[in-house]
Amino acid sequence: MKNFVGYVLEDGKTIIGGVFAHKKVWWNNSEIFVEEMFIKPEQQHKGYGSMLMRQIEKYVNENRFAGITLSTNKYAPAPNFYRKNGFVDCEHVLFMAKEMI
């Protein structure tokens, strides 16, 4: 997939984390949308997530994209991680869903 951007963090032969994203093109700019990011629970709080996020930021800067977007569960610990890494809660974005069950 030509719009895919991803990085995997390994410790020897074991995958301990990763970030999977894709390029989104809007009428006025392009951005990277993070689809999934994970660090094995026993490896969290060691800076690995921030390291992966810096790789995405480097990619964004090298390609002159407008920024990075993502969605996450507001009741999980993840929002605090993203805020710590410079993300802000967006007032101009509305996340919508349709329950089918």
PDB file of N, CA and C in Angstrom:
ATOM      1  N   MET A   1       0.852  -1.166   0.000  1.00  0.00           N
ATOM      2  CA  MET A   1       0.000   0.000   0.000  1.00  0.00           C
ATOM      3  C   MET A   1       0.900   1.232   0.000  1.00  0.00           C
ATOM      4  N   LYS A   2       0.779   2.079  -0.987  1.00  0.00           N
ATOM      5  CA  LYS A   2       1.715   3.185  -1.129  1.00  0.00           C
ATOM      6  C   LYS A   2       1.506   4.297  -0.104  1.00  0.00           C
ATOM      7  N   ASN A   3       0.369   4.375   0.549  1.00  0.00           N
ATOM      8  CA  ASN A   3       0.133   5.407   1.552  1.00  0.00           C
ATOM      9  C   ASN A   3       0.388   4.926   2.975  1.00  0.00           C
ATOM     10  N   PHE A   4       0.848   3.690   3.139  1.00  0.00           N
ATOM     11  CA  PHE A   4       1.114   3.116   4.450  1.00  0.00           C
ATOM     12  C   PHE A   4       2.423   3.650   5.018  1.00  0.00           C
ATOM     13  N   VAL A   5       2.422   3.937   6.301  1.00  0.00           N
ATOM     14  CA  VAL A   5       3.628   4.314   7.038  1.00  0.00           C
ATOM     15  C   VAL A   5       3.625   3.495   8.318  1.00  0.00           C
ATOM     16  N   GLY A   6       4.692   2.786   8.589  1.00  0.00           N
ATOM     17  CA  GLY A   6       4.719   1.984   9.799  1.00  0.00           C
ATOM     18  C   GLY A   6       6.121   1.724  10.293  1.00  0.00           C
ATOM     19  N   TYR A   7       6.212   1.544  11.594  1.00  0.00           N
ATOM     20  CA  TYR A   7       7.479   1.237  12.232  1.00  0.00           C
ATOM     21  C   TYR A   7       7.232   0.165  13.289  1.00  0.00           C
ATOM     22  N   VAL A   8       8.185  -0.746  13.413  1.00  0.00           N
ATOM     23  CA  VAL A   8       8.117  -1.802  14.410  1.00  0.00           C
ATOM     24  C   VAL A   8       9.356  -1.681  15.286  1.00  0.00           C
ATOM     25  N   LEU A   9       9.167  -1.844  16.573  1.00  0.00           N
ATOM     26  CA  LEU A   9      10.266  -1.792  17.529  1.00  0.00           C
ATOM     27  C   LEU A   9      10.536  -3.208  18.007  1.00  0.00           C
ATOM     28  N   GLU A  10      11.781  -3.650  17.849  1.00  0.00           N
ATOM     29  CA  GLU A  10      12.150  -5.014  18.213  1.00  0.00           C
ATOM     30  C   GLU A  10      13.214  -5.019  19.307  1.00  0.00           C
ATOM     31  N   ASP A  11      13.161  -6.048  20.115  1.00  0.00           N
ATOM     32  CA  ASP A  11      14.185  -6.320  21.113  1.00  0.00           C
ATOM     33  C   ASP A  11      14.748  -7.683  20.756  1.00  0.00           C
ATOM     34  N   GLY A  12      15.785  -7.698  19.982  1.00  0.00           N
ATOM     35  CA  GLY A  12      16.285  -8.959  19.451  1.00  0.00           C
ATOM     36  C   GLY A  12      15.334  -9.452  18.376  1.00  0.00           C
ATOM     37  N   LYS A  13      14.714 -10.596  18.602  1.00  0.00           N
ATOM     38  CA  LYS A  13      13.759 -11.146  17.636  1.00  0.00           C
ATOM     39  C   LYS A  13      12.318 -10.953  18.063  1.00  0.00           C
ATOM     40  N   THR A  14      12.091 -10.243  19.170  1.00  0.00           N
ATOM     41  CA  THR A  14      10.751 -10.061  19.707  1.00  0.00           C
ATOM     42  C   THR A  14      10.232  -8.666  19.388  1.00  0.00           C
ATOM     43  N   ILE A  15       9.038  -8.584  18.832  1.00  0.00           N
ATOM     44  CA  ILE A  15       8.404  -7.295  18.594  1.00  0.00           C
ATOM     45  C   ILE A  15       7.842  -6.800  19.919  1.00  0.00           C
ATOM     46  N   ILE A  16       8.244  -5.590  20.304  1.00  0.00           N
ATOM     47  CA  ILE A  16       7.731  -5.033  21.560  1.00  0.00           C
ATOM     48  C   ILE A  16       6.800  -3.848  21.332  1.00  0.00           C
ATOM     49  N   GLY A  17       6.749  -3.364  20.107  1.00  0.00           N
ATOM     50  CA  GLY A  17       5.842  -2.259  19.831  1.00  0.00           C
ATOM     51  C   GLY A  17       5.794  -1.935  18.355  1.00  0.00           C
ATOM     52  N   GLY A  18       4.841  -1.094  18.008  1.00  0.00           N
ATOM     53  CA  GLY A  18       4.720  -0.687  16.620  1.00  0.00           C
ATOM     54  C   GLY A  18       3.731   0.453  16.465  1.00  0.00           C
ATOM     55  N   VAL A  19       3.834   1.109  15.342  1.00  0.00           N
ATOM     56  CA  VAL A  19       2.887   2.151  14.977  1.00  0.00           C
ATOM     57  C   VAL A  19       2.577   1.975  13.496  1.00  0.00           C
ATOM     58  N   PHE A  20       1.289   1.959  13.176  1.00  0.00           N
ATOM     59  CA  PHE A  20       0.831   1.781  11.803  1.00  0.00           C
ATOM     60  C   PHE A  20      -0.052   2.960  11.440  1.00  0.00           C
ATOM     61  N   ALA A  21       0.250   3.599  10.338  1.00  0.00           N
ATOM     62  CA  ALA A  21      -0.449   4.824   9.951  1.00  0.00           C
ATOM     63  C   ALA A  21      -0.609   4.868   8.437  1.00  0.00           C
ATOM     64  N   HIS A  22      -1.327   5.872   7.970  1.00  0.00           N
ATOM     65  CA  HIS A  22      -1.434   6.073   6.534  1.00  0.00           C
ATOM     66  C   HIS A  22      -1.565   7.561   6.219  1.00  0.00           C
ATOM     67  N   LYS A  23      -1.189   7.889   5.004  1.00  0.00           N
ATOM     68  CA  LYS A  23      -1.271   9.267   4.529  1.00  0.00           C
ATOM     69  C   LYS A  23      -2.722   9.570   4.174  1.00  0.00           C
ATOM     70  N   LYS A  24      -3.199  10.718   4.659  1.00  0.00           N
ATOM     71  CA  LYS A  24      -4.533  11.199   4.303  1.00  0.00           C
ATOM     72  C   LYS A  24      -4.363  12.510   3.545  1.00  0.00           C
ATOM     73  N   VAL A  25      -5.011  12.605   2.419  1.00  0.00           N
ATOM     74  CA  VAL A  25      -4.926  13.815   1.606  1.00  0.00           C
ATOM     75  C   VAL A  25      -6.240  14.568   1.722  1.00  0.00           C
ATOM     76  N   TRP A  26      -6.153  15.820   2.144  1.00  0.00           N
ATOM     77  CA  TRP A  26      -7.304  16.699   2.243  1.00  0.00           C
ATOM     78  C   TRP A  26      -7.194  17.746   1.152  1.00  0.00           C
ATOM     79  N   TRP A  27      -8.194  18.547   0.998  1.00  0.00           N
ATOM     80  CA  TRP A  27      -8.190  19.559  -0.061  1.00  0.00           C
ATOM     81  C   TRP A  27      -7.102  20.608   0.143  1.00  0.00           C
ATOM     82  N   ASN A  28      -6.665  20.835   1.392  1.00  0.00           N
ATOM     83  CA  ASN A  28      -5.689  21.892   1.625  1.00  0.00           C
ATOM     84  C   ASN A  28      -4.346  21.407   2.175  1.00  0.00           C
ATOM     85  N   ASN A  29      -4.220  20.130   2.498  1.00  0.00           N
ATOM     86  CA  ASN A  29      -2.945  19.620   2.998  1.00  0.00           C
ATOM     87  C   ASN A  29      -2.986  18.101   3.077  1.00  0.00           C
ATOM     88  N   SER A  30      -1.879  17.527   3.478  1.00  0.00           N
ATOM     89  CA  SER A  30      -1.796  16.090   3.727  1.00  0.00           C
ATOM     90  C   SER A  30      -1.362  15.887   5.164  1.00  0.00           C
ATOM     91  N   GLU A  31      -1.748  14.764   5.725  1.00  0.00           N
ATOM     92  CA  GLU A  31      -1.387  14.458   7.100  1.00  0.00           C
ATOM     93  C   GLU A  31      -1.184  12.959   7.225  1.00  0.00           C
ATOM     94  N   ILE A  32      -0.658  12.550   8.372  1.00  0.00           N
ATOM     95  CA  ILE A  32      -0.533  11.141   8.700  1.00  0.00           C
ATOM     96  C   ILE A  32      -1.581  10.829   9.761  1.00  0.00           C
ATOM     97  N   PHE A  33      -2.386   9.794   9.506  1.00  0.00           N
ATOM     98  CA  PHE A  33      -3.379   9.347  10.474  1.00  0.00           C
ATOM     99  C   PHE A  33      -2.879   8.050  11.094  1.00  0.00           C
ATOM    100  N   VAL A  34      -2.703   8.057  12.400  1.00  0.00           N
ATOM    101  CA  VAL A  34      -2.238   6.868  13.117  1.00  0.00           C
ATOM    102  C   VAL A  34      -3.430   5.943  13.337  1.00  0.00           C
ATOM    103  N   GLU A  35      -3.349   4.772  12.744  1.00  0.00           N
ATOM    104  CA  GLU A  35      -4.410   3.769  12.878  1.00  0.00           C
ATOM    105  C   GLU A  35      -4.248   2.951  14.160  1.00  0.00           C
ATOM    106  N   GLU A  36      -3.007   2.597  14.459  1.00  0.00           N
ATOM    107  CA  GLU A  36      -2.747   1.723  15.597  1.00  0.00           C
ATOM    108  C   GLU A  36      -1.350   2.001  16.128  1.00  0.00           C
ATOM    109  N   MET A  37      -1.247   2.019  17.447  1.00  0.00           N
ATOM    110  CA  MET A  37       0.057   2.139  18.095  1.00  0.00           C
ATOM    111  C   MET A  37       0.014   1.272  19.342  1.00  0.00           C
ATOM    112  N   PHE A  38       1.079   0.511  19.572  1.00  0.00           N
ATOM    113  CA  PHE A  38       1.082  -0.382  20.724  1.00  0.00           C
ATOM    114  C   PHE A  38       2.496  -0.598  21.238  1.00  0.00           C
ATOM    115  N   ILE A  39       2.573  -0.821  22.526  1.00  0.00           N
ATOM    116  CA  ILE A  39       3.788  -1.267  23.202  1.00  0.00           C
ATOM    117  C   ILE A  39       3.360  -2.395  24.134  1.00  0.00           C
ATOM    118  N   LYS A  40       4.093  -3.494  24.140  1.00  0.00           N
ATOM    119  CA  LYS A  40       3.760  -4.587  25.051  1.00  0.00           C
ATOM    120  C   LYS A  40       3.653  -4.034  26.471  1.00  0.00           C
ATOM    121  N   PRO A  41       2.642  -4.458  27.219  1.00  0.00           N
ATOM    122  CA  PRO A  41       2.427  -3.892  28.565  1.00  0.00           C
ATOM    123  C   PRO A  41       3.669  -3.892  29.453  1.00  0.00           C
ATOM    124  N   GLU A  42       4.432  -4.967  29.421  1.00  0.00           N
ATOM    125  CA  GLU A  42       5.616  -5.034  30.298  1.00  0.00           C
ATOM    126  C   GLU A  42       6.754  -4.128  29.828  1.00  0.00           C
ATOM    127  N   GLN A  43       6.618  -3.556  28.623  1.00  0.00           N
ATOM    128  CA  GLN A  43       7.639  -2.646  28.077  1.00  0.00           C
ATOM    129  C   GLN A  43       7.194  -1.180  28.120  1.00  0.00           C
ATOM    130  N   GLN A  44       5.998  -0.918  28.624  1.00  0.00           N
ATOM    131  CA  GLN A  44       5.493   0.458  28.677  1.00  0.00           C
ATOM    132  C   GLN A  44       6.216   1.270  29.743  1.00  0.00           C
ATOM    133  N   HIS A  45       6.152   2.582  29.611  1.00  0.00           N
ATOM    134  CA  HIS A  45       6.768   3.535  30.546  1.00  0.00           C
ATOM    135  C   HIS A  45       8.295   3.487  30.493  1.00  0.00           C
ATOM    136  N   LYS A  46       8.820   3.119  29.325  1.00  0.00           N
ATOM    137  CA  LYS A  46      10.270   3.102  29.129  1.00  0.00           C
ATOM    138  C   LYS A  46      10.699   4.039  28.005  1.00  0.00           C
ATOM    139  N   GLY A  47       9.739   4.797  27.451  1.00  0.00           N
ATOM    140  CA  GLY A  47      10.070   5.735  26.378  1.00  0.00           C
ATOM    141  C   GLY A  47       9.930   5.180  24.974  1.00  0.00           C
ATOM    142  N   TYR A  48       9.535   3.915  24.850  1.00  0.00           N
ATOM    143  CA  TYR A  48       9.435   3.306  23.527  1.00  0.00           C
ATOM    144  C   TYR A  48       8.312   3.918  22.687  1.00  0.00           C
ATOM    145  N   GLY A  49       7.181   4.214  23.309  1.00  0.00           N
ATOM    146  CA  GLY A  49       6.089   4.837  22.572  1.00  0.00           C
ATOM    147  C   GLY A  49       6.482   6.198  22.039  1.00  0.00           C
ATOM    148  N   SER A  50       7.156   6.977  22.866  1.00  0.00           N
ATOM    149  CA  SER A  50       7.628   8.298  22.423  1.00  0.00           C
ATOM    150  C   SER A  50       8.649   8.157  21.296  1.00  0.00           C
ATOM    151  N   MET A  51       9.480   7.130  21.370  1.00  0.00           N
ATOM    152  CA  MET A  51      10.456   6.876  20.311  1.00  0.00           C
ATOM    153  C   MET A  51       9.748   6.597  18.976  1.00  0.00           C
ATOM    154  N   LEU A  52       8.707   5.767  19.021  1.00  0.00           N
ATOM    155  CA  LEU A  52       7.951   5.485  17.803  1.00  0.00           C
ATOM    156  C   LEU A  52       7.260   6.744  17.280  1.00  0.00           C
ATOM    157  N   MET A  53       6.714   7.544  18.185  1.00  0.00           N
ATOM    158  CA  MET A  53       6.043   8.770  17.765  1.00  0.00           C
ATOM    159  C   MET A  53       7.036   9.732  17.113  1.00  0.00           C
ATOM    160  N   ARG A  54       8.258   9.791  17.616  1.00  0.00           N
ATOM    161  CA  ARG A  54       9.277  10.651  16.994  1.00  0.00           C
ATOM    162  C   ARG A  54       9.600  10.192  15.581  1.00  0.00           C
ATOM    163  N   GLN A  55       9.551   8.885  15.323  1.00  0.00           N
ATOM    164  CA  GLN A  55       9.770   8.392  13.952  1.00  0.00           C
ATOM    165  C   GLN A  55       8.668   8.888  13.016  1.00  0.00           C
ATOM    166  N   ILE A  56       7.426   8.846  13.497  1.00  0.00           N
ATOM    167  CA  ILE A  56       6.317   9.359  12.689  1.00  0.00           C
ATOM    168  C   ILE A  56       6.493  10.864  12.463  1.00  0.00           C
ATOM    169  N   GLU A  57       6.882  11.597  13.506  1.00  0.00           N
ATOM    170  CA  GLU A  57       7.105  13.039  13.367  1.00  0.00           C
ATOM    171  C   GLU A  57       8.208  13.337  12.353  1.00  0.00           C
ATOM    172  N   LYS A  58       9.271  12.549  12.393  1.00  0.00           N
ATOM    173  CA  LYS A  58      10.359  12.714  11.427  1.00  0.00           C
ATOM    174  C   LYS A  58       9.843  12.515  10.005  1.00  0.00           C
ATOM    175  N   TYR A  59       9.037  11.481   9.801  1.00  0.00           N
ATOM    176  CA  TYR A  59       8.455  11.216   8.479  1.00  0.00           C
ATOM    177  C   TYR A  59       7.587  12.387   8.033  1.00  0.00           C
ATOM    178  N   VAL A  60       6.769  12.901   8.946  1.00  0.00           N
ATOM    179  CA  VAL A  60       5.888  14.037   8.631  1.00  0.00           C
ATOM    180  C   VAL A  60       6.728  15.252   8.217  1.00  0.00           C
ATOM    181  N   ASN A  61       7.777  15.546   8.983  1.00  0.00           N
ATOM    182  CA  ASN A  61       8.630  16.694   8.662  1.00  0.00           C
ATOM    183  C   ASN A  61       9.357  16.519   7.339  1.00  0.00           C
ATOM    184  N   GLU A  62       9.899  15.330   7.095  1.00  0.00           N
ATOM    185  CA  GLU A  62      10.631  15.077   5.854  1.00  0.00           C
ATOM    186  C   GLU A  62       9.734  15.209   4.626  1.00  0.00           C
ATOM    187  N   ASN A  63       8.454  14.883   4.772  1.00  0.00           N
ATOM    188  CA  ASN A  63       7.520  14.935   3.647  1.00  0.00           C
ATOM    189  C   ASN A  63       6.679  16.206   3.636  1.00  0.00           C
ATOM    190  N   ARG A  64       6.950  17.100   4.567  1.00  0.00           N
ATOM    191  CA  ARG A  64       6.291  18.399   4.642  1.00  0.00           C
ATOM    192  C   ARG A  64       4.766  18.269   4.742  1.00  0.00           C
ATOM    193  N   PHE A  65       4.316  17.306   5.542  1.00  0.00           N
ATOM    194  CA  PHE A  65       2.893  17.143   5.797  1.00  0.00           C
ATOM    195  C   PHE A  65       2.467  18.140   6.866  1.00  0.00           C
ATOM    196  N   ALA A  66       1.167  18.359   6.962  1.00  0.00           N
ATOM    197  CA  ALA A  66       0.633  19.338   7.909  1.00  0.00           C
ATOM    198  C   ALA A  66       0.722  18.851   9.355  1.00  0.00           C
ATOM    199  N   GLY A  67       0.633  17.551   9.584  1.00  0.00           N
ATOM    200  CA  GLY A  67       0.669  17.063  10.955  1.00  0.00           C
ATOM    201  C   GLY A  67       0.258  15.612  11.074  1.00  0.00           C
ATOM    202  N   ILE A  68      -0.108  15.257  12.302  1.00  0.00           N
ATOM    203  CA  ILE A  68      -0.479  13.880  12.649  1.00  0.00           C
ATOM    204  C   ILE A  68      -1.836  13.919  13.333  1.00  0.00           C
ATOM    205  N   THR A  69      -2.722  13.009  12.949  1.00  0.00           N
ATOM    206  CA  THR A  69      -4.012  12.886  13.616  1.00  0.00           C
ATOM    207  C   THR A  69      -4.213  11.433  14.046  1.00  0.00           C
ATOM    208  N   LEU A  70      -5.102  11.255  15.012  1.00  0.00           N
ATOM    209  CA  LEU A  70      -5.435   9.911  15.491  1.00  0.00           C
ATOM    210  C   LEU A  70      -6.702  10.001  16.323  1.00  0.00           C
ATOM    211  N   SER A  71      -7.254   8.856  16.609  1.00  0.00           N
ATOM    212  CA  SER A  71      -8.360   8.791  17.564  1.00  0.00           C
ATOM    213  C   SER A  71      -8.020   7.714  18.579  1.00  0.00           C
ATOM    214  N   THR A  72      -8.515   7.893  19.804  1.00  0.00           N
ATOM    215  CA  THR A  72      -8.238   6.934  20.866  1.00  0.00           C
ATOM    216  C   THR A  72      -9.375   6.960  21.866  1.00  0.00           C
ATOM    217  N   ASN A  73      -9.441   5.960  22.686  1.00  0.00           N
ATOM    218  CA  ASN A  73     -10.480   5.865  23.707  1.00  0.00           C
ATOM    219  C   ASN A  73     -10.170   6.851  24.828  1.00  0.00           C
ATOM    220  N   LYS A  74     -11.082   7.768  25.078  1.00  0.00           N
ATOM    221  CA  LYS A  74     -10.807   8.805  26.078  1.00  0.00           C
ATOM    222  C   LYS A  74     -10.778   8.255  27.500  1.00  0.00           C
ATOM    223  N   TYR A  75     -11.248   7.043  27.727  1.00  0.00           N
ATOM    224  CA  TYR A  75     -11.248   6.455  29.062  1.00  0.00           C
ATOM    225  C   TYR A  75     -10.022   5.573  29.321  1.00  0.00           C
ATOM    226  N   ALA A  76      -9.187   5.389  28.331  1.00  0.00           N
ATOM    227  CA  ALA A  76      -7.971   4.590  28.473  1.00  0.00           C
ATOM    228  C   ALA A  76      -6.806   5.512  28.871  1.00  0.00           C
ATOM    229  N   PRO A  77      -5.672   4.947  29.242  1.00  0.00           N
ATOM    230  CA  PRO A  77      -4.509   5.783  29.576  1.00  0.00           C
ATOM    231  C   PRO A  77      -3.895   6.507  28.368  1.00  0.00           C
ATOM    232  N   ALA A  78      -4.219   6.066  27.158  1.00  0.00           N
ATOM    233  CA  ALA A  78      -3.568   6.596  25.959  1.00  0.00           C
ATOM    234  C   ALA A  78      -3.673   8.113  25.786  1.00  0.00           C
ATOM    235  N   PRO A  79      -4.818   8.764  26.051  1.00  0.00           N
ATOM    236  CA  PRO A  79      -4.859  10.218  25.839  1.00  0.00           C
ATOM    237  C   PRO A  79      -3.760  10.974  26.587  1.00  0.00           C
ATOM    238  N   ASN A  80      -3.456  10.571  27.795  1.00  0.00           N
ATOM    239  CA  ASN A  80      -2.392  11.248  28.541  1.00  0.00           C
ATOM    240  C   ASN A  80      -1.030  11.053  27.881  1.00  0.00           C
ATOM    241  N   PHE A  81      -0.793   9.863  27.332  1.00  0.00           N
ATOM    242  CA  PHE A  81       0.453   9.623  26.595  1.00  0.00           C
ATOM    243  C   PHE A  81       0.551  10.569  25.406  1.00  0.00           C
ATOM    244  N   TYR A  82      -0.524  10.667  24.624  1.00  0.00           N
ATOM    245  CA  TYR A  82      -0.483  11.527  23.441  1.00  0.00           C
ATOM    246  C   TYR A  82      -0.338  12.996  23.825  1.00  0.00           C
ATOM    247  N   ARG A  83      -1.033  13.435  24.865  1.00  0.00           N
ATOM    248  CA  ARG A  83      -0.882  14.827  25.328  1.00  0.00           C
ATOM    249  C   ARG A  83       0.559  15.096  25.749  1.00  0.00           C
ATOM    250  N   LYS A  84       1.157  14.138  26.443  1.00  0.00           N
ATOM    251  CA  LYS A  84       2.558  14.279  26.865  1.00  0.00           C
ATOM    252  C   LYS A  84       3.473  14.433  25.654  1.00  0.00           C
ATOM    253  N   ASN A  85       3.070  13.868  24.527  1.00  0.00           N
ATOM    254  CA  ASN A  85       3.861  13.932  23.302  1.00  0.00           C
ATOM    255  C   ASN A  85       3.411  15.052  22.370  1.00  0.00           C
ATOM    256  N   GLY A  86       2.704  16.041  22.899  1.00  0.00           N
ATOM    257  CA  GLY A  86       2.389  17.248  22.140  1.00  0.00           C
ATOM    258  C   GLY A  86       1.051  17.278  21.436  1.00  0.00           C
ATOM    259  N   PHE A  87       0.240  16.246  21.571  1.00  0.00           N
ATOM    260  CA  PHE A  87      -1.073  16.244  20.940  1.00  0.00           C
ATOM    261  C   PHE A  87      -2.054  17.052  21.789  1.00  0.00           C
ATOM    262  N   VAL A  88      -3.060  17.609  21.135  1.00  0.00           N
ATOM    263  CA  VAL A  88      -4.100  18.371  21.825  1.00  0.00           C
ATOM    264  C   VAL A  88      -5.465  17.816  21.444  1.00  0.00           C
ATOM    265  N   ASP A  89      -6.437  18.023  22.320  1.00  0.00           N
ATOM    266  CA  ASP A  89      -7.815  17.657  22.018  1.00  0.00           C
ATOM    267  C   ASP A  89      -8.341  18.677  21.008  1.00  0.00           C
ATOM    268  N   CYS A  90      -8.864  18.205  19.898  1.00  0.00           N
ATOM    269  CA  CYS A  90      -9.314  19.099  18.834  1.00  0.00           C
ATOM    270  C   CYS A  90     -10.777  19.492  19.025  1.00  0.00           C
ATOM    271  N   GLU A  91     -11.018  20.774  19.021  1.00  0.00           N
ATOM    272  CA  GLU A  91     -12.381  21.283  19.133  1.00  0.00           C
ATOM    273  C   GLU A  91     -13.102  21.258  17.781  1.00  0.00           C
ATOM    274  N   HIS A  92     -12.341  21.258  16.684  1.00  0.00           N
ATOM    275  CA  HIS A  92     -12.945  21.359  15.352  1.00  0.00           C
ATOM    276  C   HIS A  92     -13.247  20.003  14.716  1.00  0.00           C
ATOM    277  N   VAL A  93     -12.967  18.912  15.418  1.00  0.00           N
ATOM    278  CA  VAL A  93     -13.188  17.578  14.861  1.00  0.00           C
ATOM    279  C   VAL A  93     -14.305  16.900  15.631  1.00  0.00           C
ATOM    280  N   LEU A  94     -15.185  16.269  14.910  1.00  0.00           N
ATOM    281  CA  LEU A  94     -16.274  15.511  15.503  1.00  0.00           C
ATOM    282  C   LEU A  94     -16.112  14.051  15.107  1.00  0.00           C
ATOM    283  N   PHE A  95     -15.960  13.190  16.075  1.00  0.00           N
ATOM    284  CA  PHE A  95     -15.862  11.766  15.817  1.00  0.00           C
ATOM    285  C   PHE A  95     -17.274  11.204  15.919  1.00  0.00           C
ATOM    286  N   MET A  96     -17.728  10.496  14.905  1.00  0.00           N
ATOM    287  CA  MET A  96     -19.094   9.977  14.882  1.00  0.00           C
ATOM    288  C   MET A  96     -19.068   8.467  14.710  1.00  0.00           C
ATOM    289  N   ALA A  97     -20.088   7.812  15.228  1.00  0.00           N
ATOM    290  CA  ALA A  97     -20.204   6.353  15.107  1.00  0.00           C
ATOM    291  C   ALA A  97     -21.678   5.992  14.966  1.00  0.00           C
ATOM    292  N   LYS A  98     -21.924   4.836  14.401  1.00  0.00           N
ATOM    293  CA  LYS A  98     -23.300   4.318  14.280  1.00  0.00           C
ATOM    294  C   LYS A  98     -23.311   2.915  14.871  1.00  0.00           C
ATOM    295  N   GLU A  99     -23.992   2.727  15.978  1.00  0.00           N
ATOM    296  CA  GLU A  99     -24.118   1.415  16.616  1.00  0.00           C
ATOM    297  C   GLU A  99     -25.030   0.540  15.772  1.00  0.00           C
ATOM    298  N   MET A 100     -24.617  -0.704  15.535  1.00  0.00           N
ATOM    299  CA  MET A 100     -25.396  -1.601  14.676  1.00  0.00           C
ATOM    300  C   MET A 100     -25.875  -2.834  15.441  1.00  0.00           C
ATOM    301  N   ILE A 101     -25.676  -2.857  16.732  1.00  0.00           N
ATOM    302  CA  ILE A 101     -26.115  -4.010  17.524  1.00  0.00           C
ATOM    303  C   ILE A 101     -27.266  -3.608  18.424  1.00  0.00           C
TER     304      ILE A 101
END
